[in-house]
């Protein structure tokens, strides 16, 4: 049996709502599910406004521009993350300022941030990684102390909380992704959340080619994007949101099962996901493993792939991305924990649709490798 690294879980009203789009002809971004999904998701995250877009990366592009981050502005962010946040900053001619990771939570090391704040620092871009959030109380304290903006990338955190508040409720602007492997999926898609009325209206304008209702149609004074979400995507997202509590329960059950069965790996020097912090319990968006060496990771991954068990490597660090070779932050030092995560980390099948039988096959294969 093949065990894919991710299997989506589409057992609710997804088909019913998408069929409604087809039957009514409302398949574009003008359909009613878009507004309903925006309203319900923003309420779920305790925000005033939701702006649905075509992807999490699109949400970051819009967020950065809407906040006025521009040429020469410094934005502090983790080096260990997906590349999208760095792309959005660099497209705006801003300067990413990188911090190392914590080996315990795999998130950015908040203790490093204050030393990297300068007169040019405009924002902190937080990325919650893999299942545990960054301690947002500390981030908000720093932002207030130095009058900085906070962009909260909660792309992987649907249903997660921090200090009892929903992830996505802390930033001046926050974003989510609804890619197929997320806890809520629309296939592709994303959401921008904020509380400020003017900022929300700015985001809506930028996602829609900067159409201005005060101008004749097709007359533009500013560049924007076509980053709209379709009615069919929003219909699927709404059906998924209806099941979010069950999804998080399932994810945590999967995490407990893997922890129980794979804890023996810690004796060989592996790092398993931290189960909880003082401010959050892990939701195990993915179940990652950090091997004691790059060679051991590669050997185990090859063994699993030969057994038709899917894996994915961890993110690669921003300071080692070839595309950034001409940038000032390329190949800087002081990121040893992030580099270990990137080199030695990978995750095993843990999508919402992954069955207990499939997880058992994963565990059996890993135990067989070490037998």
Protein backbone atom coordinates (compact mmCIF):
# COMPACT_ATOMS: atom_id res chain seq x y z
CA UNK A 1 0.00 0.00 0.00
CA UNK A 2 1.24 3.47 -0.89
CA UNK A 3 1.03 6.09 1.87
CA UNK A 4 1.09 9.66 0.50
CA UNK A 5 2.57 12.37 2.69
CA UNK A 6 -0.76 14.20 2.59
CA UNK A 7 -4.34 13.10 1.99
CA UNK A 8 -7.01 15.82 2.23
CA UNK A 9 -10.17 15.15 4.21
CA UNK A 10 -13.29 16.16 2.26
CA UNK A 11 -16.12 14.45 4.10
CA UNK A 12 -18.41 17.39 4.84
CA UNK A 13 -20.50 19.70 2.66
CA UNK A 14 -17.72 20.36 0.14
CA UNK A 15 -19.45 18.62 -2.78
CA UNK A 16 -22.86 20.08 -1.91
CA UNK A 17 -21.60 23.67 -1.79
CA UNK A 18 -19.42 23.38 -4.92
CA UNK A 19 -22.36 21.83 -6.81
CA UNK A 20 -24.42 24.84 -5.76
CA UNK A 21 -21.84 27.09 -7.41
CA UNK A 22 -22.06 25.09 -10.63
CA UNK A 23 -25.83 24.88 -10.63
CA UNK A 24 -26.28 28.62 -10.05
CA UNK A 25 -23.49 29.64 -12.40
CA UNK A 26 -21.68 31.58 -9.68
CA UNK A 27 -18.19 30.20 -10.18
CA UNK A 28 -16.09 33.38 -10.19
CA UNK A 29 -15.01 35.65 -7.35
CA UNK A 30 -18.38 37.45 -7.55
CA UNK A 31 -20.29 34.55 -5.96
CA UNK A 32 -21.88 34.73 -2.49
CA UNK A 33 -19.72 32.06 -0.84
CA UNK A 34 -16.69 34.38 -0.92
CA UNK A 35 -18.23 36.98 1.36
CA UNK A 36 -19.71 34.33 3.64
CA UNK A 37 -16.37 32.53 3.99
CA UNK A 38 -14.60 35.83 4.71
CA UNK A 39 -17.13 36.74 7.39
CA UNK A 40 -17.18 33.35 9.10
CA UNK A 41 -13.41 32.84 9.04
CA UNK A 42 -12.68 36.32 10.37
CA UNK A 43 -15.18 35.77 13.20
CA UNK A 44 -13.62 32.40 13.95
CA UNK A 45 -10.24 34.12 14.35
CA UNK A 46 -11.72 37.05 16.33
CA UNK A 47 -10.96 39.62 13.61
CA UNK A 48 -13.13 42.35 12.12
CA UNK A 49 -12.23 41.75 8.48
CA UNK A 50 -11.36 38.83 6.21
CA UNK A 51 -10.12 39.33 2.66
CA UNK A 52 -10.03 36.09 0.64
CA UNK A 53 -7.25 35.76 -1.94
CA UNK A 54 -5.82 33.18 -4.32
CA UNK A 55 -3.01 31.86 -2.07
CA UNK A 56 -1.10 32.43 1.13
CA UNK A 57 1.74 33.93 -0.91
CA UNK A 58 -0.72 36.36 -2.50
CA UNK A 59 -1.90 37.29 0.99
CA UNK A 60 1.68 38.15 1.96
CA UNK A 61 2.21 40.30 -1.14
CA UNK A 62 -0.94 42.28 -0.39
CA UNK A 63 -0.19 42.55 3.33
CA UNK A 64 3.31 43.93 2.79
CA UNK A 65 2.13 46.57 0.31
CA UNK A 66 -0.97 47.48 2.30
CA UNK A 67 1.18 48.21 5.36
CA UNK A 68 3.40 50.54 3.35
CA UNK A 69 6.56 48.47 3.69
CA UNK A 70 8.87 49.68 0.95
CA UNK A 71 12.43 50.38 -0.20
CA UNK A 72 15.04 50.09 2.52
CA UNK A 73 12.64 49.09 5.29
CA UNK A 74 13.99 46.29 7.47
CA UNK A 75 11.68 43.47 8.49
CA UNK A 76 12.79 40.88 11.04
CA UNK A 77 11.78 37.32 10.12
CA UNK A 78 12.96 33.73 10.63
CA UNK A 79 15.56 32.28 8.31
CA UNK A 80 13.87 28.86 8.64
CA UNK A 81 10.57 29.17 6.79
CA UNK A 82 9.00 28.70 3.40
CA UNK A 83 10.40 31.24 0.95
CA UNK A 84 7.16 33.19 0.40
CA UNK A 85 7.64 35.82 3.14
CA UNK A 86 11.11 36.69 1.87
CA UNK A 87 9.84 36.91 -1.70
CA UNK A 88 7.11 39.35 -0.67
CA UNK A 89 9.57 41.57 1.21
CA UNK A 90 12.15 41.60 -1.56
CA UNK A 91 9.54 42.39 -4.22
CA UNK A 92 8.73 45.45 -2.11
CA UNK A 93 12.47 46.34 -2.03
CA UNK A 94 12.48 45.79 1.73
CA UNK A 95 15.33 44.06 3.57
CA UNK A 96 14.75 40.78 5.43
CA UNK A 97 16.70 40.63 8.70
CA UNK A 98 17.00 37.01 9.74
CA UNK A 99 16.95 35.26 13.11
CA UNK A 100 17.79 31.69 14.07
CA UNK A 101 15.35 29.01 15.24
CA UNK A 102 14.67 27.30 18.52
CA UNK A 103 15.36 23.57 18.49
CA UNK A 104 12.50 23.00 20.91
CA UNK A 105 9.60 24.61 19.02
CA UNK A 106 11.27 24.93 15.56
CA UNK A 107 10.01 28.52 15.50
CA UNK A 108 12.00 31.75 15.26
CA UNK A 109 14.07 32.57 18.35
CA UNK A 110 12.23 35.56 19.80
CA UNK A 111 15.14 36.26 22.16
CA UNK A 112 17.26 37.32 19.16
CA UNK A 113 14.84 39.90 17.81
CA UNK A 114 15.55 42.90 20.02
CA UNK A 115 19.26 42.98 19.22
CA UNK A 116 18.44 43.16 15.50
CA UNK A 117 16.11 46.17 15.73
CA UNK A 118 17.56 49.33 14.14
CA UNK A 119 16.29 52.74 13.13
CA UNK A 120 15.27 51.19 9.79
CA UNK A 121 13.23 48.34 11.29
CA UNK A 122 9.58 48.68 10.31
CA UNK A 123 8.03 45.32 11.15
CA UNK A 124 8.39 41.86 12.63
CA UNK A 125 7.17 39.10 10.32
CA UNK A 126 6.27 36.09 12.45
CA UNK A 127 5.89 32.65 10.86
CA UNK A 128 4.32 29.92 13.00
CA UNK A 129 6.03 26.65 12.02
CA UNK A 130 4.53 23.16 11.66
CA UNK A 131 2.23 22.95 14.70
CA UNK A 132 3.36 25.20 17.55
CA UNK A 133 3.01 29.00 17.44
CA UNK A 134 5.55 31.65 18.27
CA UNK A 135 4.92 33.23 21.68
CA UNK A 136 2.92 36.17 20.37
CA UNK A 137 2.72 37.96 23.73
CA UNK A 138 6.48 38.53 23.51
CA UNK A 139 6.20 39.68 19.89
CA UNK A 140 3.43 42.15 20.69
CA UNK A 141 5.45 43.51 23.63
CA UNK A 142 8.47 44.16 21.39
CA UNK A 143 6.30 45.72 18.69
CA UNK A 144 4.76 48.15 21.16
CA UNK A 145 8.11 48.97 22.75
CA UNK A 146 9.72 49.89 19.43
CA UNK A 147 6.61 51.03 17.52
CA UNK A 148 6.81 48.23 14.96
CA UNK A 149 4.20 46.58 12.77
CA UNK A 150 3.48 42.86 13.14
CA UNK A 151 2.74 40.60 10.19
CA UNK A 152 1.52 37.25 11.49
CA UNK A 153 1.98 34.42 9.01
CA UNK A 154 -0.41 31.82 10.39
CA UNK A 155 -0.54 29.87 7.12
CA UNK A 156 -0.24 26.54 8.97
CA UNK A 157 -2.17 27.39 12.13
CA UNK A 158 -5.88 26.92 11.38
CA UNK A 159 -7.50 26.09 14.68
CA UNK A 160 -4.41 26.76 16.79
CA UNK A 161 -4.36 29.14 19.74
CA UNK A 162 -1.66 31.07 21.58
CA UNK A 163 -2.26 32.15 25.18
CA UNK A 164 -5.91 31.18 24.61
CA UNK A 165 -6.37 33.46 21.57
CA UNK A 166 -6.69 32.23 17.99
CA UNK A 167 -3.54 32.35 15.91
CA UNK A 168 -4.16 35.02 13.31
CA UNK A 169 -5.66 37.40 15.89
CA UNK A 170 -2.39 39.05 16.98
CA UNK A 171 -0.85 40.80 13.98
CA UNK A 172 -1.61 44.25 12.64
CA UNK A 173 -2.29 42.05 9.65
CA UNK A 174 -2.38 38.25 9.59
CA UNK A 175 -2.48 35.72 6.77
CA UNK A 176 -3.52 32.11 6.21
CA UNK A 177 -3.01 29.62 3.40
CA UNK A 178 -5.64 27.12 2.27
CA UNK A 179 -3.35 24.91 0.17
CA UNK A 180 -4.32 21.25 -0.15
CA UNK A 181 -2.20 20.12 2.81
CA UNK A 182 -3.57 22.68 5.28
CA UNK A 183 -6.07 21.97 8.07
CA UNK A 184 -8.62 23.93 6.03
CA UNK A 185 -8.17 23.66 2.28
CA UNK A 186 -9.69 25.28 -0.77
CA UNK A 187 -7.17 23.55 -3.06
CA UNK A 188 -5.34 26.83 -3.45
CA UNK A 189 -6.29 30.00 -1.64
CA UNK A 190 -5.53 32.30 1.26
CA UNK A 191 -6.98 34.87 3.64
CA UNK A 192 -5.88 38.22 5.02
CA UNK A 193 -7.22 39.20 8.44
CA UNK A 194 -7.12 42.55 10.21
CA UNK A 195 -9.19 44.81 12.45
CA UNK A 196 -8.56 48.20 10.85
CA UNK A 197 -11.31 49.28 8.42
CA UNK A 198 -9.06 51.36 6.17
CA UNK A 199 -6.39 48.65 6.01
CA UNK A 200 -9.01 46.05 5.05
CA UNK A 201 -10.34 48.27 2.27
CA UNK A 202 -6.80 48.79 1.01
CA UNK A 203 -6.26 45.02 0.88
CA UNK A 204 -9.52 44.49 -1.02
CA UNK A 205 -8.45 47.08 -3.57
CA UNK A 206 -4.96 45.62 -4.05
CA UNK A 207 -6.23 42.04 -4.55
CA UNK A 208 -8.55 43.28 -7.34
CA UNK A 209 -6.16 45.04 -9.74
CA UNK A 210 -6.51 48.25 -7.70
CA UNK A 211 -9.90 49.07 -9.15
CA UNK A 212 -11.06 52.32 -7.57
CA UNK A 213 -14.85 52.82 -7.26
CA UNK A 214 -14.26 56.59 -7.38
CA UNK A 215 -12.79 56.32 -10.90
CA UNK A 216 -14.27 55.22 -14.22
CA UNK A 217 -13.98 51.44 -14.61
CA UNK A 218 -10.66 50.29 -16.14
CA UNK A 219 -8.94 53.51 -15.12
CA UNK A 220 -6.18 52.78 -12.60
CA UNK A 221 -3.89 55.04 -10.59
CA UNK A 222 -2.00 52.24 -8.83
CA UNK A 223 -0.69 48.76 -9.56
CA UNK A 224 -2.36 45.81 -7.86
CA UNK A 225 -2.87 42.12 -8.50
CA UNK A 226 -5.59 39.76 -9.61
CA UNK A 227 -5.43 37.73 -6.42
CA UNK A 228 -9.14 36.98 -6.07
CA UNK A 229 -10.56 33.76 -4.63
CA UNK A 230 -13.27 32.01 -6.64
CA UNK A 231 -16.73 31.21 -5.33
CA UNK A 232 -16.01 27.48 -5.71
CA UNK A 233 -12.88 27.74 -3.57
CA UNK A 234 -14.76 29.70 -0.92
CA UNK A 235 -17.57 27.12 -0.97
CA UNK A 236 -15.07 24.38 -0.18
CA UNK A 237 -13.43 26.52 2.51
CA UNK A 238 -16.77 27.15 4.19
CA UNK A 239 -17.51 23.42 4.29
CA UNK A 240 -14.06 22.79 5.76
CA UNK A 241 -14.46 25.51 8.40
CA UNK A 242 -17.64 23.79 9.59
CA UNK A 243 -15.46 20.81 10.59
CA UNK A 244 -12.46 22.60 12.10
CA UNK A 245 -12.96 21.38 15.68
CA UNK A 246 -13.08 17.78 14.49
CA UNK A 247 -10.02 18.38 12.31
CA UNK A 248 -7.95 19.65 15.23
CA UNK A 249 -9.09 16.72 17.38
CA UNK A 250 -8.01 14.33 14.61
CA UNK A 251 -4.65 16.05 14.19
CA UNK A 252 -3.85 15.91 17.87
CA UNK A 253 -4.83 12.26 17.99
CA UNK A 254 -2.46 11.54 15.10
CA UNK A 255 0.31 13.40 16.88
CA UNK A 256 -0.20 11.42 20.09
CA UNK A 257 -0.14 8.14 18.16
CA UNK A 258 3.12 8.96 16.41
CA UNK A 259 4.66 10.19 19.66
CA UNK A 260 3.74 6.98 21.45
CA UNK A 261 5.04 4.74 18.67
CA UNK A 262 8.18 6.69 17.69
CA UNK A 263 9.48 7.98 21.01
CA UNK A 264 12.22 5.36 20.84
CA UNK A 265 13.87 7.52 18.18
CA UNK A 266 14.80 10.09 20.80
CA UNK A 267 17.27 7.58 22.26
CA UNK A 268 19.10 7.71 18.91
CA UNK A 269 19.32 11.50 18.93
CA UNK A 270 16.16 12.37 17.00
CA UNK A 271 14.05 15.40 17.80
CA UNK A 272 10.29 14.84 17.77
CA UNK A 273 7.74 17.67 17.80
CA UNK A 274 7.42 19.32 21.19
CA UNK A 275 4.00 18.35 22.51
CA UNK A 276 3.21 21.60 24.30
CA UNK A 277 4.58 24.90 25.55
CA UNK A 278 3.35 27.17 28.34
CA UNK A 279 1.11 28.95 25.81
CA UNK A 280 -0.05 26.28 23.32
CA UNK A 281 -0.59 22.58 22.69
CA UNK A 282 0.76 21.25 19.40
CA UNK A 283 -1.80 20.74 16.63
CA UNK A 284 0.66 18.71 14.50
CA UNK A 285 -0.06 20.35 11.15
CA UNK A 286 2.67 17.94 10.09
CA UNK A 287 4.55 15.40 12.15
CA UNK A 288 8.21 16.17 11.71
CA UNK A 289 11.36 14.29 12.64
CA UNK A 290 14.82 15.80 12.98
CA UNK A 291 17.47 13.14 12.51
CA UNK A 292 20.79 13.20 14.37
CA UNK A 293 22.63 13.68 11.08
CA UNK A 294 21.94 14.53 7.46
CA UNK A 295 23.21 11.13 6.36
CA UNK A 296 20.86 9.30 8.71
CA UNK A 297 17.94 11.37 7.47
CA UNK A 298 18.75 10.60 3.86
CA UNK A 299 19.09 6.88 4.57
CA UNK A 300 15.75 6.68 6.41
CA UNK A 301 13.93 8.78 3.81
CA UNK A 302 15.28 6.58 1.01
CA UNK A 303 14.14 3.48 2.91
CA UNK A 304 10.64 4.92 3.42
CA UNK A 305 10.31 6.06 -0.17
CA UNK A 306 11.32 2.59 -1.36
CA UNK A 307 8.48 1.27 0.79
CA UNK A 308 6.09 3.71 -0.98
CA UNK A 309 5.80 5.93 2.06
CA UNK A 310 5.83 9.62 1.25
CA UNK A 311 8.02 12.14 3.04
CA UNK A 312 8.83 15.83 2.59
CA UNK A 313 11.99 17.69 3.60
CA UNK A 314 11.82 20.62 5.98
CA UNK A 315 12.11 24.18 4.70
CA UNK A 316 15.51 25.43 3.51
CA UNK A 317 16.99 28.49 5.21
CA UNK A 318 16.69 31.91 3.61
CA UNK A 319 20.36 32.75 4.17
CA UNK A 320 21.32 29.74 2.01
CA UNK A 321 18.82 30.15 -0.83
CA UNK A 322 20.68 30.39 -4.17
CA UNK A 323 18.10 32.87 -5.49
CA UNK A 324 19.27 35.32 -2.81
CA UNK A 325 22.99 34.93 -3.51
CA UNK A 326 23.37 38.63 -4.33
CA UNK A 327 21.58 39.76 -1.16
CA UNK A 328 23.33 40.99 1.95
CA UNK A 329 21.81 38.31 4.19
CA UNK A 330 23.07 35.42 2.02
CA UNK A 331 25.48 33.02 3.75
CA UNK A 332 25.54 34.96 7.00
CA UNK A 333 26.49 33.02 10.14
CA UNK A 334 24.72 32.45 13.43
CA UNK A 335 21.90 30.20 12.25
CA UNK A 336 23.15 26.81 13.42
CA UNK A 337 19.83 25.59 14.82
CA UNK A 338 17.91 26.59 11.69
CA UNK A 339 20.55 24.88 9.56
CA UNK A 340 20.18 21.66 11.55
CA UNK A 341 16.42 21.72 11.06
CA UNK A 342 16.79 22.33 7.34
CA UNK A 343 19.44 19.67 6.80
CA UNK A 344 18.16 16.93 9.10
CA UNK A 345 14.41 17.49 9.23
CA UNK A 346 11.60 15.84 7.29
CA UNK A 347 7.98 14.95 7.93
CA UNK A 348 6.04 11.74 7.54
CA UNK A 349 2.44 11.14 6.34
CA UNK A 350 0.15 13.19 8.55
CA UNK A 351 -2.59 14.65 6.38
CA UNK A 352 -6.11 14.80 7.77
CA UNK A 353 -7.19 11.96 5.49
CA UNK A 354 -4.36 9.64 6.56
CA UNK A 355 -5.86 6.57 8.23
CA UNK A 356 -4.65 4.81 11.37
CA UNK A 357 -3.85 1.78 9.20
CA UNK A 358 -1.60 3.92 7.00
CA UNK A 359 0.06 5.48 10.02
CA UNK A 360 0.71 1.98 11.31
CA UNK A 361 2.52 1.15 8.09
CA UNK A 362 4.70 4.24 8.54
CA UNK A 363 5.58 3.24 12.11
CA UNK A 364 6.24 -0.36 11.07
CA UNK A 365 8.60 0.80 8.32
CA UNK A 366 10.55 3.13 10.62
CA UNK A 367 10.87 0.40 13.25
CA UNK A 368 11.97 -2.00 10.53
CA UNK A 369 14.69 0.38 9.42
CA UNK A 370 16.11 0.50 12.95
CA UNK A 371 15.64 -3.21 13.64
